[in-house]
């Protein structure tokens, strides 16, 4: 198997909080490339151009090969580093986080800044949701109508997602199964149907699976 699982953000989202009159907004977005991460940063800087700081971090690559962060004018080590440490602790990659700060007139000190930017990163990740992108196989298969109830009952307890079911001359299914479950599922399907159901493997892709696989 060439693809391996990795953790990333499930969607773009944000959340905010107040610390000693300073407003912090944590934003996160899944990004497949460094160019996408930089575009997200530019978008946040433009949207929050009146903010005091837009500190950020991003990690790109299934092996986390690219890691960048910036304090954006905050004292060294108090903003970008805490953000990326939260991302590393959660194990997310192909993701970018920006924590925007509107200064409220009360100095937080180095320790207070570290805590605030850590909280901003946590808020961003929680708002986005962290999930596992699993190597997944997509299959198509067709069955006769006499097999419909039997196959549907079988699939209910299988580790698959039925993406589509079309009723024409036969019943045409499109379904996905994690590659790690693929061989066992196909074996059970053969046994259930006495070898009469022969699914066709269409492609292999990454897919976010249900929440029990997320942190």
N, C-alpha and C. Protein backbone atom coordinates (compact mmCIF):
# COMPACT_ATOMS: atom_id res chain seq x y z
N UNK A 1 0.85 -1.18 0.00
CA UNK A 1 0.00 0.00 0.00
C UNK A 1 0.89 1.24 0.00
N UNK A 2 0.67 2.14 -0.94
CA UNK A 2 1.54 3.30 -1.06
C UNK A 2 1.12 4.45 -0.14
N UNK A 3 -0.17 4.58 0.12
CA UNK A 3 -0.66 5.67 0.95
C UNK A 3 -0.66 5.27 2.42
N UNK A 4 -0.41 6.25 3.29
CA UNK A 4 -0.41 6.00 4.73
C UNK A 4 -1.33 7.02 5.41
N UNK A 5 -1.97 6.65 6.53
CA UNK A 5 -2.87 7.59 7.20
C UNK A 5 -2.12 8.82 7.73
N UNK A 6 -2.84 9.93 7.81
CA UNK A 6 -2.30 11.12 8.45
C UNK A 6 -3.44 11.93 9.04
N UNK A 7 -3.13 12.78 10.02
CA UNK A 7 -4.14 13.61 10.67
C UNK A 7 -4.11 15.02 10.08
N UNK A 8 -5.28 15.60 9.92
CA UNK A 8 -5.36 16.97 9.42
C UNK A 8 -6.64 17.61 9.93
N UNK A 9 -6.84 18.87 9.56
CA UNK A 9 -8.08 19.57 9.92
C UNK A 9 -9.18 19.16 8.96
N UNK A 10 -10.40 19.03 9.48
CA UNK A 10 -11.51 18.57 8.66
C UNK A 10 -12.18 19.69 7.88
N UNK A 11 -12.04 20.93 8.34
CA UNK A 11 -12.68 22.06 7.66
C UNK A 11 -12.02 23.35 8.12
N UNK A 12 -12.30 24.45 7.41
CA UNK A 12 -11.86 25.77 7.83
C UNK A 12 -12.85 26.31 8.87
N UNK A 13 -12.33 26.86 9.97
CA UNK A 13 -13.20 27.37 11.02
C UNK A 13 -12.40 28.28 11.94
N UNK A 14 -13.09 28.96 12.85
CA UNK A 14 -12.41 29.86 13.79
C UNK A 14 -13.20 29.95 15.08
N UNK A 15 -12.53 30.44 16.12
CA UNK A 15 -13.16 30.68 17.41
C UNK A 15 -12.37 31.79 18.10
N UNK A 16 -12.96 32.42 19.10
CA UNK A 16 -12.27 33.55 19.73
C UNK A 16 -12.54 33.61 21.22
N UNK A 17 -11.73 34.42 21.90
CA UNK A 17 -11.84 34.60 23.35
C UNK A 17 -11.15 35.91 23.72
N UNK A 18 -11.36 36.34 24.96
CA UNK A 18 -10.77 37.58 25.48
C UNK A 18 -9.85 37.24 26.65
N UNK A 19 -8.66 37.85 26.64
CA UNK A 19 -7.73 37.73 27.78
C UNK A 19 -7.28 39.14 28.16
N UNK A 20 -7.63 39.58 29.36
CA UNK A 20 -7.24 40.92 29.84
C UNK A 20 -7.46 42.00 28.77
N UNK A 21 -8.66 42.00 28.22
CA UNK A 21 -9.13 42.99 27.24
C UNK A 21 -8.55 42.81 25.84
N UNK A 22 -7.60 41.89 25.66
CA UNK A 22 -7.11 41.58 24.31
C UNK A 22 -8.01 40.51 23.70
N UNK A 23 -8.39 40.74 22.45
CA UNK A 23 -9.24 39.79 21.72
C UNK A 23 -8.35 38.89 20.87
N UNK A 24 -8.50 37.59 21.04
CA UNK A 24 -7.74 36.61 20.26
C UNK A 24 -8.72 35.80 19.41
N UNK A 25 -8.38 35.64 18.12
CA UNK A 25 -9.21 34.84 17.22
C UNK A 25 -8.32 33.75 16.61
N UNK A 26 -8.66 32.51 16.84
CA UNK A 26 -7.90 31.40 16.27
C UNK A 26 -8.57 30.88 15.01
N UNK A 27 -7.84 30.90 13.90
CA UNK A 27 -8.36 30.43 12.62
C UNK A 27 -7.54 29.21 12.17
N UNK A 28 -8.19 28.25 11.56
CA UNK A 28 -7.49 27.11 11.00
C UNK A 28 -8.05 26.72 9.66
N UNK A 29 -7.20 26.08 8.84
CA UNK A 29 -7.66 25.62 7.53
C UNK A 29 -6.79 24.46 7.06
N UNK A 30 -7.40 23.41 6.48
CA UNK A 30 -6.59 22.38 5.84
C UNK A 30 -5.93 22.94 4.59
N UNK A 31 -4.66 22.63 4.36
CA UNK A 31 -3.90 23.12 3.20
C UNK A 31 -3.05 21.99 2.66
N UNK A 32 -3.17 21.71 1.38
CA UNK A 32 -2.42 20.62 0.77
C UNK A 32 -0.98 21.00 0.44
N UNK A 33 -0.71 22.31 0.25
CA UNK A 33 0.61 22.77 -0.17
C UNK A 33 1.00 24.01 0.63
N UNK A 34 2.30 24.33 0.58
CA UNK A 34 2.77 25.54 1.24
C UNK A 34 2.16 26.78 0.59
N UNK A 35 1.94 26.74 -0.71
CA UNK A 35 1.30 27.87 -1.41
C UNK A 35 -0.10 28.12 -0.86
N UNK A 36 -0.85 27.05 -0.59
CA UNK A 36 -2.18 27.20 -0.01
C UNK A 36 -2.11 27.80 1.39
N UNK A 37 -1.12 27.38 2.17
CA UNK A 37 -0.96 27.92 3.52
C UNK A 37 -0.64 29.41 3.47
N UNK A 38 0.24 29.81 2.57
CA UNK A 38 0.60 31.22 2.44
C UNK A 38 -0.57 32.04 1.93
N UNK A 39 -1.38 31.46 1.05
CA UNK A 39 -2.57 32.17 0.57
C UNK A 39 -3.56 32.38 1.71
N UNK A 40 -3.71 31.37 2.57
CA UNK A 40 -4.58 31.50 3.75
C UNK A 40 -4.07 32.59 4.67
N UNK A 41 -2.76 32.63 4.90
CA UNK A 41 -2.17 33.68 5.73
C UNK A 41 -2.44 35.05 5.14
N UNK A 42 -2.24 35.19 3.83
CA UNK A 42 -2.48 36.48 3.17
C UNK A 42 -3.95 36.89 3.30
N UNK A 43 -4.84 35.93 3.18
CA UNK A 43 -6.28 36.20 3.33
C UNK A 43 -6.60 36.71 4.73
N UNK A 44 -6.03 36.07 5.75
CA UNK A 44 -6.28 36.49 7.13
C UNK A 44 -5.67 37.87 7.41
N UNK A 45 -4.48 38.12 6.87
CA UNK A 45 -3.85 39.44 7.06
C UNK A 45 -4.69 40.54 6.42
N UNK A 46 -5.26 40.24 5.26
CA UNK A 46 -6.09 41.24 4.58
C UNK A 46 -7.40 41.46 5.33
N UNK A 47 -8.01 40.37 5.80
CA UNK A 47 -9.29 40.48 6.50
C UNK A 47 -9.14 41.16 7.84
N UNK A 48 -8.01 40.90 8.51
CA UNK A 48 -7.77 41.47 9.84
C UNK A 48 -6.59 42.43 9.81
N UNK A 49 -6.58 43.29 8.81
CA UNK A 49 -5.45 44.21 8.64
C UNK A 49 -5.38 45.26 9.75
N UNK A 50 -6.48 45.46 10.47
CA UNK A 50 -6.48 46.42 11.58
C UNK A 50 -6.07 45.75 12.90
N UNK A 51 -5.78 44.45 12.87
CA UNK A 51 -5.37 43.75 14.10
C UNK A 51 -3.95 44.13 14.47
N UNK A 52 -3.62 43.93 15.74
CA UNK A 52 -2.26 44.23 16.21
C UNK A 52 -1.27 43.19 15.71
N UNK A 53 -1.67 41.93 15.70
CA UNK A 53 -0.79 40.85 15.25
C UNK A 53 -1.62 39.76 14.56
N UNK A 54 -1.03 39.15 13.55
CA UNK A 54 -1.57 37.93 12.94
C UNK A 54 -0.44 36.88 12.96
N UNK A 55 -0.34 36.16 14.05
CA UNK A 55 0.72 35.17 14.22
C UNK A 55 0.27 33.84 13.63
N UNK A 56 1.22 33.06 13.14
CA UNK A 56 0.79 31.87 12.41
C UNK A 56 1.78 30.72 12.53
N UNK A 57 1.31 29.55 12.12
CA UNK A 57 2.17 28.38 11.93
C UNK A 57 1.49 27.49 10.91
N UNK A 58 2.29 26.76 10.15
CA UNK A 58 1.72 25.75 9.27
C UNK A 58 2.68 24.58 9.15
N UNK A 59 2.09 23.41 8.89
CA UNK A 59 2.84 22.17 8.70
C UNK A 59 2.32 21.53 7.43
N UNK A 60 3.23 21.18 6.52
CA UNK A 60 2.85 20.62 5.23
C UNK A 60 3.62 19.32 5.00
N UNK A 61 2.96 18.35 4.39
CA UNK A 61 3.60 17.08 4.05
C UNK A 61 3.15 15.97 4.96
N UNK A 62 2.92 14.78 4.39
CA UNK A 62 2.48 13.66 5.20
C UNK A 62 3.54 13.27 6.24
N UNK A 63 4.78 13.60 5.98
CA UNK A 63 5.86 13.36 6.94
C UNK A 63 6.20 14.62 7.74
N UNK A 64 5.32 15.64 7.66
CA UNK A 64 5.53 16.93 8.36
C UNK A 64 6.85 17.57 7.95
N UNK A 65 7.20 17.45 6.68
CA UNK A 65 8.51 17.91 6.21
C UNK A 65 8.68 19.41 6.18
N UNK A 66 7.59 20.18 6.10
CA UNK A 66 7.67 21.64 6.06
C UNK A 66 6.96 22.20 7.29
N UNK A 67 7.72 22.93 8.12
CA UNK A 67 7.15 23.58 9.31
C UNK A 67 7.62 25.03 9.35
N UNK A 68 6.67 25.95 9.40
CA UNK A 68 7.00 27.38 9.45
C UNK A 68 6.11 28.05 10.50
N UNK A 69 6.66 29.10 11.13
CA UNK A 69 5.85 29.86 12.08
C UNK A 69 6.41 31.27 12.21
N UNK A 70 5.59 32.18 12.74
CA UNK A 70 6.01 33.57 12.90
C UNK A 70 5.34 34.19 14.12
N UNK A 71 6.11 35.02 14.86
CA UNK A 71 5.56 35.76 16.00
C UNK A 71 4.91 37.07 15.57
N UNK A 72 5.13 37.49 14.32
CA UNK A 72 4.52 38.70 13.76
C UNK A 72 4.59 39.89 14.72
N UNK A 73 5.77 40.14 15.26
CA UNK A 73 5.97 41.32 16.10
C UNK A 73 5.81 41.10 17.60
N UNK A 74 5.25 39.97 18.00
CA UNK A 74 5.22 39.66 19.43
C UNK A 74 6.63 39.27 19.87
N UNK A 75 6.93 39.35 21.17
CA UNK A 75 8.27 38.95 21.64
C UNK A 75 8.63 37.53 21.17
N UNK A 76 9.89 37.35 20.82
CA UNK A 76 10.35 36.09 20.25
C UNK A 76 9.95 34.87 21.08
N UNK A 77 9.37 33.87 20.41
CA UNK A 77 9.03 32.62 21.07
C UNK A 77 7.72 32.61 21.81
N UNK A 78 6.96 33.72 21.77
CA UNK A 78 5.73 33.78 22.56
C UNK A 78 4.46 33.51 21.76
N UNK A 79 4.56 33.38 20.43
CA UNK A 79 3.34 33.26 19.63
C UNK A 79 3.43 32.12 18.61
N UNK A 80 4.31 32.28 17.61
CA UNK A 80 4.40 31.27 16.56
C UNK A 80 4.80 29.90 17.10
N UNK A 81 5.78 29.87 17.99
CA UNK A 81 6.22 28.59 18.56
C UNK A 81 5.12 27.90 19.35
N UNK A 82 4.40 28.58 20.23
CA UNK A 82 3.29 27.90 20.92
C UNK A 82 2.23 27.36 19.96
N UNK A 83 1.97 28.08 18.88
CA UNK A 83 0.97 27.61 17.91
C UNK A 83 1.43 26.31 17.27
N UNK A 84 2.68 26.29 16.80
CA UNK A 84 3.13 25.08 16.10
C UNK A 84 3.30 23.91 17.07
N UNK A 85 3.62 24.19 18.33
CA UNK A 85 3.73 23.11 19.31
C UNK A 85 2.38 22.44 19.55
N UNK A 86 1.30 23.22 19.54
CA UNK A 86 -0.03 22.64 19.68
C UNK A 86 -0.34 21.75 18.47
N UNK A 87 0.01 22.22 17.28
CA UNK A 87 -0.23 21.43 16.07
C UNK A 87 0.56 20.13 16.11
N UNK A 88 1.82 20.20 16.53
CA UNK A 88 2.65 19.00 16.61
C UNK A 88 2.11 18.03 17.66
N UNK A 89 1.65 18.57 18.78
CA UNK A 89 1.12 17.72 19.84
C UNK A 89 -0.13 16.98 19.37
N UNK A 90 -0.94 17.63 18.54
CA UNK A 90 -2.14 16.98 18.00
C UNK A 90 -1.82 16.11 16.79
N UNK A 91 -0.61 16.23 16.26
CA UNK A 91 -0.20 15.39 15.14
C UNK A 91 -0.79 15.78 13.81
N UNK A 92 -1.21 17.05 13.65
CA UNK A 92 -1.85 17.44 12.39
C UNK A 92 -0.82 17.94 11.38
N UNK A 93 -1.06 17.66 10.13
CA UNK A 93 -0.24 18.18 9.05
C UNK A 93 -1.16 18.62 7.91
N UNK A 94 -0.57 19.18 6.86
CA UNK A 94 -1.36 19.78 5.78
C UNK A 94 -2.41 20.72 6.38
N UNK A 95 -1.92 21.61 7.24
CA UNK A 95 -2.81 22.49 7.99
C UNK A 95 -2.09 23.79 8.32
N UNK A 96 -2.87 24.87 8.43
CA UNK A 96 -2.34 26.17 8.82
C UNK A 96 -3.23 26.77 9.90
N UNK A 97 -2.60 27.47 10.84
CA UNK A 97 -3.32 28.14 11.93
C UNK A 97 -2.83 29.59 12.02
N UNK A 98 -3.76 30.52 12.10
CA UNK A 98 -3.44 31.93 12.32
C UNK A 98 -4.17 32.36 13.59
N UNK A 99 -3.45 32.98 14.51
CA UNK A 99 -4.08 33.53 15.71
C UNK A 99 -3.94 35.05 15.64
N UNK A 100 -5.09 35.71 15.52
CA UNK A 100 -5.17 37.16 15.40
C UNK A 100 -5.34 37.77 16.79
N UNK A 101 -4.62 38.87 17.04
CA UNK A 101 -4.76 39.55 18.33
C UNK A 101 -5.08 41.02 18.13
N UNK A 102 -6.11 41.48 18.84
CA UNK A 102 -6.40 42.90 18.97
C UNK A 102 -6.00 43.31 20.38
N UNK A 103 -4.96 44.12 20.50
CA UNK A 103 -4.41 44.51 21.80
C UNK A 103 -5.44 45.32 22.58
N UNK A 104 -5.64 44.94 23.85
CA UNK A 104 -6.64 45.60 24.67
C UNK A 104 -6.11 46.60 25.66
N UNK A 105 -4.79 46.87 25.60
CA UNK A 105 -4.23 47.90 26.47
C UNK A 105 -3.58 47.36 27.73
N UNK A 106 -3.69 46.06 27.98
CA UNK A 106 -3.08 45.44 29.16
C UNK A 106 -1.99 44.48 28.71
N UNK A 107 -0.75 44.72 29.16
CA UNK A 107 0.35 43.83 28.80
C UNK A 107 0.18 42.47 29.47
N UNK A 108 0.42 41.42 28.71
CA UNK A 108 0.22 40.07 29.25
C UNK A 108 1.50 39.45 29.77
N UNK A 109 2.67 39.98 29.39
CA UNK A 109 3.92 39.36 29.76
C UNK A 109 4.19 38.14 28.91
N UNK A 110 5.44 37.68 28.92
CA UNK A 110 5.82 36.56 28.06
C UNK A 110 5.00 35.31 28.37
N UNK A 111 4.87 34.97 29.64
CA UNK A 111 4.11 33.78 30.01
C UNK A 111 2.65 33.89 29.61
N UNK A 112 2.07 35.06 29.79
CA UNK A 112 0.68 35.27 29.42
C UNK A 112 0.47 35.16 27.93
N UNK A 113 1.44 35.65 27.15
CA UNK A 113 1.34 35.55 25.69
C UNK A 113 1.41 34.09 25.24
N UNK A 114 2.34 33.35 25.81
CA UNK A 114 2.46 31.93 25.45
C UNK A 114 1.15 31.20 25.74
N UNK A 115 0.57 31.46 26.90
CA UNK A 115 -0.69 30.80 27.25
C UNK A 115 -1.82 31.22 26.30
N UNK A 116 -1.86 32.51 25.96
CA UNK A 116 -2.93 33.01 25.10
C UNK A 116 -2.82 32.45 23.69
N UNK A 117 -1.60 32.41 23.13
CA UNK A 117 -1.45 31.89 21.77
C UNK A 117 -1.62 30.37 21.73
N UNK A 118 -1.24 29.71 22.83
CA UNK A 118 -1.54 28.28 22.92
C UNK A 118 -3.04 28.05 22.90
N UNK A 119 -3.76 28.84 23.69
CA UNK A 119 -5.22 28.71 23.73
C UNK A 119 -5.82 29.04 22.36
N UNK A 120 -5.26 30.04 21.67
CA UNK A 120 -5.76 30.39 20.34
C UNK A 120 -5.62 29.25 19.35
N UNK A 121 -4.48 28.56 19.41
CA UNK A 121 -4.27 27.41 18.52
C UNK A 121 -5.21 26.27 18.86
N UNK A 122 -5.39 26.00 20.15
CA UNK A 122 -6.31 24.94 20.58
C UNK A 122 -7.73 25.26 20.11
N UNK A 123 -8.14 26.52 20.27
CA UNK A 123 -9.48 26.93 19.83
C UNK A 123 -9.65 26.70 18.32
N UNK A 124 -8.62 27.05 17.56
CA UNK A 124 -8.69 26.89 16.11
C UNK A 124 -8.83 25.42 15.74
N UNK A 125 -8.00 24.55 16.33
CA UNK A 125 -8.05 23.12 16.00
C UNK A 125 -9.38 22.50 16.42
N UNK A 126 -9.88 22.90 17.58
CA UNK A 126 -11.15 22.35 18.03
C UNK A 126 -12.30 22.80 17.14
N UNK A 127 -12.25 24.05 16.67
CA UNK A 127 -13.30 24.55 15.79
C UNK A 127 -13.27 23.83 14.44
N UNK A 128 -12.07 23.58 13.94
CA UNK A 128 -11.93 22.90 12.64
C UNK A 128 -12.24 21.41 12.74
N UNK A 129 -11.91 20.82 13.87
CA UNK A 129 -12.01 19.37 14.01
C UNK A 129 -10.78 18.69 13.44
N UNK A 130 -10.25 17.72 14.16
CA UNK A 130 -9.09 16.95 13.70
C UNK A 130 -9.57 15.55 13.34
N UNK A 131 -9.22 15.10 12.16
CA UNK A 131 -9.63 13.77 11.73
C UNK A 131 -8.48 13.03 11.08
N UNK A 132 -8.67 11.74 10.90
CA UNK A 132 -7.66 10.91 10.27
C UNK A 132 -8.04 10.70 8.81
N UNK A 133 -7.12 11.06 7.93
CA UNK A 133 -7.30 10.80 6.50
C UNK A 133 -6.72 9.41 6.22
N UNK A 134 -7.62 8.48 5.90
CA UNK A 134 -7.20 7.10 5.69
C UNK A 134 -7.09 6.79 4.20
N UNK A 135 -6.08 6.03 3.81
CA UNK A 135 -6.08 5.47 2.47
C UNK A 135 -7.35 4.63 2.30
N UNK A 136 -8.09 4.92 1.26
CA UNK A 136 -9.43 4.37 1.10
C UNK A 136 -9.62 3.87 -0.33
N UNK A 137 -10.29 2.74 -0.46
CA UNK A 137 -10.58 2.19 -1.80
C UNK A 137 -12.06 2.43 -2.11
N UNK A 138 -12.31 2.93 -3.33
CA UNK A 138 -13.69 3.11 -3.80
C UNK A 138 -14.04 1.96 -4.74
N UNK A 139 -15.21 1.38 -4.53
CA UNK A 139 -15.66 0.24 -5.33
C UNK A 139 -17.02 0.55 -5.95
N UNK A 140 -17.26 -0.06 -7.10
CA UNK A 140 -18.61 -0.10 -7.67
C UNK A 140 -19.01 -1.56 -7.79
N UNK A 141 -20.28 -1.83 -7.58
CA UNK A 141 -20.75 -3.21 -7.74
C UNK A 141 -22.22 -3.18 -8.10
N UNK A 142 -22.65 -4.17 -8.83
CA UNK A 142 -24.04 -4.29 -9.24
C UNK A 142 -24.58 -5.64 -8.80
N UNK A 143 -25.81 -5.65 -8.30
CA UNK A 143 -26.45 -6.88 -7.87
C UNK A 143 -27.86 -6.96 -8.46
N UNK A 144 -28.39 -8.15 -8.53
CA UNK A 144 -29.78 -8.32 -8.94
C UNK A 144 -30.72 -7.99 -7.81
N UNK A 145 -31.97 -7.63 -8.15
CA UNK A 145 -32.94 -7.24 -7.13
C UNK A 145 -33.23 -8.32 -6.09
N UNK A 146 -33.18 -9.60 -6.44
CA UNK A 146 -33.42 -10.61 -5.40
C UNK A 146 -32.38 -10.59 -4.28
N UNK A 147 -31.20 -10.02 -4.55
CA UNK A 147 -30.13 -9.96 -3.54
C UNK A 147 -30.19 -8.69 -2.70
N UNK A 148 -31.09 -7.77 -3.00
CA UNK A 148 -31.05 -6.43 -2.41
C UNK A 148 -31.12 -6.45 -0.89
N UNK A 149 -32.12 -7.09 -0.33
CA UNK A 149 -32.26 -7.08 1.13
C UNK A 149 -31.08 -7.77 1.81
N UNK A 150 -30.64 -8.85 1.22
CA UNK A 150 -29.52 -9.60 1.80
C UNK A 150 -28.25 -8.74 1.82
N UNK A 151 -27.97 -8.05 0.72
CA UNK A 151 -26.77 -7.23 0.64
C UNK A 151 -26.87 -6.03 1.57
N UNK A 152 -28.03 -5.37 1.60
CA UNK A 152 -28.19 -4.22 2.48
C UNK A 152 -28.01 -4.62 3.95
N UNK A 153 -28.55 -5.75 4.34
CA UNK A 153 -28.41 -6.23 5.71
C UNK A 153 -26.93 -6.51 6.02
N UNK A 154 -26.25 -7.10 5.07
CA UNK A 154 -24.82 -7.39 5.24
C UNK A 154 -24.00 -6.11 5.40
N UNK A 155 -24.27 -5.12 4.55
CA UNK A 155 -23.47 -3.90 4.55
C UNK A 155 -23.65 -3.08 5.83
N UNK A 156 -24.79 -3.22 6.50
CA UNK A 156 -25.05 -2.43 7.72
C UNK A 156 -23.99 -2.66 8.77
N UNK A 157 -23.44 -3.87 8.85
CA UNK A 157 -22.47 -4.20 9.89
C UNK A 157 -21.03 -4.21 9.38
N UNK A 158 -20.83 -3.72 8.17
CA UNK A 158 -19.49 -3.72 7.59
C UNK A 158 -18.84 -2.33 7.70
N UNK A 159 -17.50 -2.28 7.74
CA UNK A 159 -16.80 -0.99 7.87
C UNK A 159 -16.71 -0.26 6.53
N UNK A 160 -17.87 0.01 5.93
CA UNK A 160 -17.92 0.66 4.63
C UNK A 160 -18.87 1.85 4.70
N UNK A 161 -18.72 2.75 3.76
CA UNK A 161 -19.66 3.85 3.56
C UNK A 161 -20.27 3.68 2.17
N UNK A 162 -21.59 3.57 2.11
CA UNK A 162 -22.27 3.49 0.82
C UNK A 162 -22.50 4.92 0.33
N UNK A 163 -21.80 5.30 -0.71
CA UNK A 163 -21.89 6.67 -1.22
C UNK A 163 -23.09 6.87 -2.14
N UNK A 164 -23.46 5.81 -2.85
CA UNK A 164 -24.56 5.95 -3.80
C UNK A 164 -25.17 4.57 -4.05
N UNK A 165 -26.47 4.59 -4.33
CA UNK A 165 -27.17 3.36 -4.69
C UNK A 165 -28.20 3.72 -5.76
N UNK A 166 -28.04 3.18 -6.95
CA UNK A 166 -28.92 3.52 -8.07
C UNK A 166 -29.71 2.29 -8.49
N UNK A 167 -30.98 2.52 -8.79
CA UNK A 167 -31.88 1.43 -9.17
C UNK A 167 -32.19 1.52 -10.66
N UNK A 168 -31.60 0.61 -11.43
CA UNK A 168 -31.88 0.53 -12.86
C UNK A 168 -32.24 -0.92 -13.19
N UNK A 169 -31.62 -1.50 -14.21
CA UNK A 169 -31.86 -2.92 -14.47
C UNK A 169 -31.37 -3.77 -13.31
N UNK A 170 -30.32 -3.28 -12.66
CA UNK A 170 -29.79 -3.90 -11.45
C UNK A 170 -29.66 -2.81 -10.40
N UNK A 171 -29.21 -3.19 -9.21
CA UNK A 171 -28.94 -2.21 -8.16
C UNK A 171 -27.43 -1.93 -8.17
N UNK A 172 -27.06 -0.68 -8.45
CA UNK A 172 -25.65 -0.30 -8.58
C UNK A 172 -25.21 0.45 -7.33
N UNK A 173 -24.21 -0.08 -6.66
CA UNK A 173 -23.66 0.54 -5.45
C UNK A 173 -22.33 1.21 -5.76
N UNK A 174 -22.09 2.34 -5.11
CA UNK A 174 -20.75 2.90 -5.00
C UNK A 174 -20.44 2.97 -3.52
N UNK A 175 -19.34 2.37 -3.11
CA UNK A 175 -19.01 2.35 -1.69
C UNK A 175 -17.51 2.51 -1.48
N UNK A 176 -17.15 2.91 -0.28
CA UNK A 176 -15.74 3.07 0.07
C UNK A 176 -15.43 2.25 1.31
N UNK A 177 -14.20 1.77 1.38
CA UNK A 177 -13.71 0.99 2.51
C UNK A 177 -12.26 1.36 2.75
N UNK A 178 -11.88 1.50 4.01
CA UNK A 178 -10.48 1.76 4.31
C UNK A 178 -9.61 0.62 3.78
N UNK A 179 -8.46 0.98 3.24
CA UNK A 179 -7.59 -0.05 2.66
C UNK A 179 -7.21 -1.11 3.70
N UNK A 180 -7.09 -0.72 4.95
CA UNK A 180 -6.72 -1.68 5.99
C UNK A 180 -7.83 -2.69 6.23
N UNK A 181 -9.08 -2.35 5.88
CA UNK A 181 -10.21 -3.26 6.05
C UNK A 181 -10.60 -3.98 4.76
N UNK A 182 -9.93 -3.62 3.67
CA UNK A 182 -10.37 -4.02 2.34
C UNK A 182 -10.40 -5.54 2.14
N UNK A 183 -9.30 -6.20 2.40
CA UNK A 183 -9.22 -7.64 2.11
C UNK A 183 -10.24 -8.44 2.92
N UNK A 184 -10.36 -8.10 4.21
CA UNK A 184 -11.30 -8.84 5.06
C UNK A 184 -12.74 -8.59 4.60
N UNK A 185 -13.05 -7.35 4.25
CA UNK A 185 -14.40 -7.05 3.76
C UNK A 185 -14.72 -7.83 2.48
N UNK A 186 -13.78 -7.83 1.53
CA UNK A 186 -14.02 -8.54 0.28
C UNK A 186 -14.21 -10.04 0.52
N UNK A 187 -13.46 -10.59 1.46
CA UNK A 187 -13.62 -12.00 1.79
C UNK A 187 -14.99 -12.30 2.34
N UNK A 188 -15.48 -11.47 3.24
CA UNK A 188 -16.82 -11.68 3.82
C UNK A 188 -17.91 -11.49 2.76
N UNK A 189 -17.69 -10.53 1.85
CA UNK A 189 -18.66 -10.30 0.78
C UNK A 189 -18.73 -11.52 -0.15
N UNK A 190 -17.59 -12.10 -0.46
CA UNK A 190 -17.58 -13.30 -1.30
C UNK A 190 -18.33 -14.45 -0.62
N UNK A 191 -18.05 -14.63 0.67
CA UNK A 191 -18.71 -15.72 1.40
C UNK A 191 -20.22 -15.51 1.48
N UNK A 192 -20.62 -14.27 1.75
CA UNK A 192 -22.05 -13.97 1.87
C UNK A 192 -22.80 -14.23 0.57
N UNK A 193 -22.16 -13.90 -0.55
CA UNK A 193 -22.84 -13.98 -1.85
C UNK A 193 -22.48 -15.24 -2.63
N UNK A 194 -21.72 -16.14 -2.01
CA UNK A 194 -21.23 -17.34 -2.71
C UNK A 194 -20.47 -16.98 -3.98
N UNK A 195 -19.78 -15.84 -3.92
CA UNK A 195 -18.95 -15.43 -5.03
C UNK A 195 -19.70 -14.78 -6.18
N UNK A 196 -20.99 -14.52 -6.01
CA UNK A 196 -21.78 -13.96 -7.12
C UNK A 196 -21.66 -12.45 -7.22
N UNK A 197 -21.30 -11.78 -6.10
CA UNK A 197 -21.11 -10.32 -6.12
C UNK A 197 -19.64 -10.04 -6.34
N UNK A 198 -19.33 -9.32 -7.41
CA UNK A 198 -17.94 -9.06 -7.78
C UNK A 198 -17.70 -7.56 -7.92
N UNK A 199 -17.35 -6.90 -6.83
CA UNK A 199 -17.13 -5.46 -6.89
C UNK A 199 -15.89 -5.11 -7.71
N UNK A 200 -15.92 -3.94 -8.33
CA UNK A 200 -14.78 -3.46 -9.12
C UNK A 200 -14.12 -2.30 -8.40
N UNK A 201 -12.82 -2.42 -8.18
CA UNK A 201 -12.06 -1.35 -7.51
C UNK A 201 -11.86 -0.20 -8.49
N UNK A 202 -12.36 0.98 -8.14
CA UNK A 202 -12.34 2.13 -9.04
C UNK A 202 -11.10 2.99 -8.83
N UNK A 203 -10.78 3.27 -7.55
CA UNK A 203 -9.63 4.14 -7.27
C UNK A 203 -9.24 4.02 -5.80
N UNK A 204 -8.05 4.54 -5.51
CA UNK A 204 -7.57 4.66 -4.13
C UNK A 204 -7.37 6.14 -3.85
N UNK A 205 -7.85 6.58 -2.70
CA UNK A 205 -7.82 8.01 -2.37
C UNK A 205 -7.71 8.17 -0.86
N UNK A 206 -7.49 9.42 -0.43
CA UNK A 206 -7.57 9.74 0.99
C UNK A 206 -8.98 10.20 1.33
N UNK A 207 -9.49 9.75 2.48
CA UNK A 207 -10.84 10.13 2.90
C UNK A 207 -10.86 10.24 4.42
N UNK A 208 -11.51 11.29 4.92
CA UNK A 208 -11.68 11.45 6.37
C UNK A 208 -12.78 10.51 6.84
N UNK A 209 -12.47 9.67 7.83
CA UNK A 209 -13.43 8.70 8.33
C UNK A 209 -14.09 9.20 9.60
N UNK A 210 -15.10 8.48 10.11
CA UNK A 210 -15.91 8.99 11.23
C UNK A 210 -15.11 9.39 12.45
N UNK A 211 -15.77 10.11 13.32
CA UNK A 211 -15.12 10.83 14.41
C UNK A 211 -14.35 9.96 15.37
N UNK A 212 -14.69 8.69 15.50
CA UNK A 212 -13.94 7.84 16.44
C UNK A 212 -12.48 7.71 16.04
N UNK A 213 -12.14 8.05 14.79
CA UNK A 213 -10.75 7.98 14.36
C UNK A 213 -10.00 9.28 14.60
N UNK A 214 -10.73 10.31 15.06
CA UNK A 214 -10.09 11.60 15.33
C UNK A 214 -9.66 11.68 16.78
N UNK A 215 -8.78 12.65 17.05
CA UNK A 215 -8.37 12.86 18.45
C UNK A 215 -9.52 13.44 19.25
